Amino acid sequence: MGKLSNVVKDAIGKADLYPLATASISGLPNVIPIKLVFIESDNELWLVDNFMTKTLQNLQQNPAAALNILIPDDKISYQIKGHTRIETEGHNYNRMRETVLKANPDHPAKSLVIMHITEIFDCWPGSTIGNRLDN
């Protein structure tokens, strides 16, 4: 199981958009930018589904996903891999929805994608590229 370090947590807090990669059951890839990512714990991220269509279909077929944290000005890029589950009701979903709507009532906050982190890698070009950061 992957565990977020304070350095990676700080980067998540600084990033503006987060590319999220998924694949269909047949392996057809899909990447979208998402705006809302919350750190729920050291090994769990919450991704807000405001406008996901193909991504949600992919996650329903194949729960594996990868999230990129990219801050070019700071020369930071991390890849976070994990398994997801989708919630559209219940305590977690309601808590996410309340937080999102309080910040911006125009966001639909359709569902909550919970990512259980399995691996974290450094992706910035240089001597540490490809190194695992969670072990």
Protein backbone atom coordinates (compact mmCIF):
# COMPACT_ATOMS: atom_id res chain seq x y z
CA MET A 1 0.00 0.00 0.00
CA GLY A 2 1.28 3.47 -0.90
CA LYS A 3 1.63 6.19 1.69
CA LEU A 4 1.73 9.93 1.02
CA SER A 5 4.77 11.73 2.38
CA ASN A 6 4.53 15.32 3.57
CA VAL A 7 6.41 16.42 0.43
CA VAL A 8 3.83 14.78 -1.85
CA LYS A 9 0.97 16.12 0.30
CA ASP A 10 2.37 19.64 -0.07
CA ALA A 11 2.57 19.20 -3.85
CA ILE A 12 -1.05 18.01 -3.97
CA GLY A 13 -2.03 21.16 -2.08
CA LYS A 14 -0.15 23.38 -4.55
CA ALA A 15 -1.27 21.88 -7.86
CA ASP A 16 -4.04 23.57 -9.86
CA LEU A 17 -5.15 20.68 -12.08
CA TYR A 18 -4.58 16.96 -11.77
CA PRO A 19 -4.42 14.75 -14.87
CA LEU A 20 -6.28 11.52 -14.09
CA ALA A 21 -5.63 8.46 -16.25
CA THR A 22 -7.99 5.51 -16.54
CA ALA A 23 -8.48 2.69 -19.02
CA SER A 24 -11.49 0.74 -20.20
CA ILE A 25 -11.66 -3.01 -19.64
CA SER A 26 -10.30 -3.43 -23.19
CA GLY A 27 -7.35 -1.15 -22.40
CA LEU A 28 -8.47 2.01 -24.20
CA PRO A 29 -6.85 4.88 -22.25
CA ASN A 30 -8.48 8.11 -21.15
CA VAL A 31 -6.93 11.15 -19.43
CA ILE A 32 -8.83 14.12 -18.05
CA PRO A 33 -7.90 17.13 -15.92
CA ILE A 34 -9.69 17.30 -12.61
CA LYS A 35 -9.74 20.23 -10.24
CA LEU A 36 -10.79 18.86 -6.87
CA VAL A 37 -8.59 16.37 -5.02
CA PHE A 38 -8.74 15.98 -1.25
CA ILE A 39 -6.29 14.12 0.98
CA GLU A 40 -8.45 11.93 3.19
CA SER A 41 -5.56 10.02 4.80
CA ASP A 42 -1.96 9.00 4.12
CA ASN A 43 -3.19 6.25 1.77
CA GLU A 44 -6.49 7.61 0.45
CA LEU A 45 -7.42 10.46 -1.90
CA TRP A 46 -10.89 11.73 -2.69
CA LEU A 47 -11.48 12.80 -6.30
CA VAL A 48 -14.60 14.81 -7.05
CA ASP A 49 -16.63 13.86 -10.10
CA ASN A 50 -18.09 17.05 -11.46
CA PHE A 51 -18.07 16.27 -15.17
CA MET A 52 -16.71 12.73 -15.61
CA THR A 53 -18.31 10.59 -18.30
CA LYS A 54 -15.79 8.24 -19.98
CA THR A 55 -13.66 8.29 -16.83
CA LEU A 56 -16.55 7.11 -14.67
CA GLN A 57 -17.43 4.39 -17.20
CA ASN A 58 -13.79 3.26 -17.20
CA LEU A 59 -13.62 3.16 -13.40
CA GLN A 60 -16.81 1.12 -13.24
CA GLN A 61 -15.20 -1.46 -15.58
CA ASN A 62 -11.61 -1.17 -14.36
CA PRO A 63 -11.00 0.49 -10.97
CA ALA A 64 -7.27 1.11 -11.55
CA ALA A 65 -6.26 4.76 -12.03
CA ALA A 66 -3.22 7.03 -12.00
CA LEU A 67 -3.18 10.65 -10.88
CA ASN A 68 -0.39 13.06 -11.86
CA ILE A 69 0.70 15.91 -9.62
CA LEU A 70 2.44 18.43 -11.86
CA ILE A 71 4.00 21.74 -10.80
CA PRO A 72 6.45 22.69 -13.59
CA ASP A 73 7.70 25.91 -11.93
CA ASP A 74 8.87 23.86 -8.93
CA LYS A 75 10.14 20.97 -11.08
CA ILE A 76 7.72 18.57 -9.42
CA SER A 77 5.88 15.67 -10.96
CA TYR A 78 4.54 12.69 -9.04
CA GLN A 79 2.48 9.75 -10.26
CA ILE A 80 0.04 8.26 -7.76
CA LYS A 81 -1.44 4.88 -8.69
CA GLY A 82 -4.34 3.24 -6.97
CA HIS A 83 -7.60 1.34 -6.98
CA THR A 84 -10.83 3.25 -6.85
CA ARG A 85 -14.40 2.90 -5.76
CA ILE A 86 -17.28 5.22 -6.58
CA GLU A 87 -19.78 6.48 -4.04
CA THR A 88 -22.99 8.37 -4.85
CA GLU A 89 -24.57 8.25 -1.40
CA GLY A 90 -23.64 7.78 2.22
CA HIS A 91 -21.54 9.63 4.79
CA ASN A 92 -18.38 10.08 2.68
CA TYR A 93 -20.32 11.26 -0.36
CA ASN A 94 -22.41 13.69 1.70
CA ARG A 95 -19.33 15.12 3.41
CA MET A 96 -17.58 15.64 0.05
CA ARG A 97 -20.68 17.19 -1.51
CA GLU A 98 -21.17 19.60 1.38
CA THR A 99 -17.53 20.74 1.17
CA VAL A 100 -17.65 21.22 -2.61
CA LEU A 101 -20.98 23.05 -2.68
CA LYS A 102 -19.91 25.35 0.14
CA ALA A 103 -16.88 26.39 -1.92
CA ASN A 104 -18.77 26.61 -5.22
CA PRO A 105 -22.53 26.01 -5.43
CA ASP A 106 -22.28 25.67 -9.22
CA HIS A 107 -20.30 22.43 -9.05
CA PRO A 108 -22.53 19.36 -9.49
CA ALA A 109 -20.42 17.07 -7.21
CA LYS A 110 -22.10 14.07 -8.86
CA SER A 111 -20.04 11.36 -7.23
CA LEU A 112 -17.04 10.70 -5.04
CA VAL A 113 -14.17 8.63 -6.40
CA ILE A 114 -12.14 7.21 -3.53
CA MET A 115 -8.60 6.23 -4.53
CA HIS A 116 -6.73 3.79 -2.31
CA ILE A 117 -3.09 4.49 -3.07
CA THR A 118 -0.94 1.53 -4.08
CA GLU A 119 2.20 3.23 -5.43
CA ILE A 120 3.79 6.68 -5.74
CA PHE A 121 6.60 7.55 -8.17
CA ASP A 122 8.80 10.55 -8.95
CA CYS A 123 8.15 11.60 -12.54
CA TRP A 124 10.32 14.70 -12.90
CA PRO A 125 13.20 14.24 -15.39
CA GLY A 126 16.50 13.68 -13.64
CA SER A 127 18.38 11.18 -11.56
CA THR A 128 15.37 10.21 -9.39
CA ILE A 129 12.79 9.75 -12.16
CA GLY A 130 10.95 6.47 -11.74
CA ASN A 131 11.90 6.08 -8.09
CA ARG A 132 9.19 4.82 -5.79
CA LEU A 133 8.42 7.31 -3.06
CA ASP A 134 6.11 5.26 -0.87
CA ASN A 135 8.34 2.53 0.48
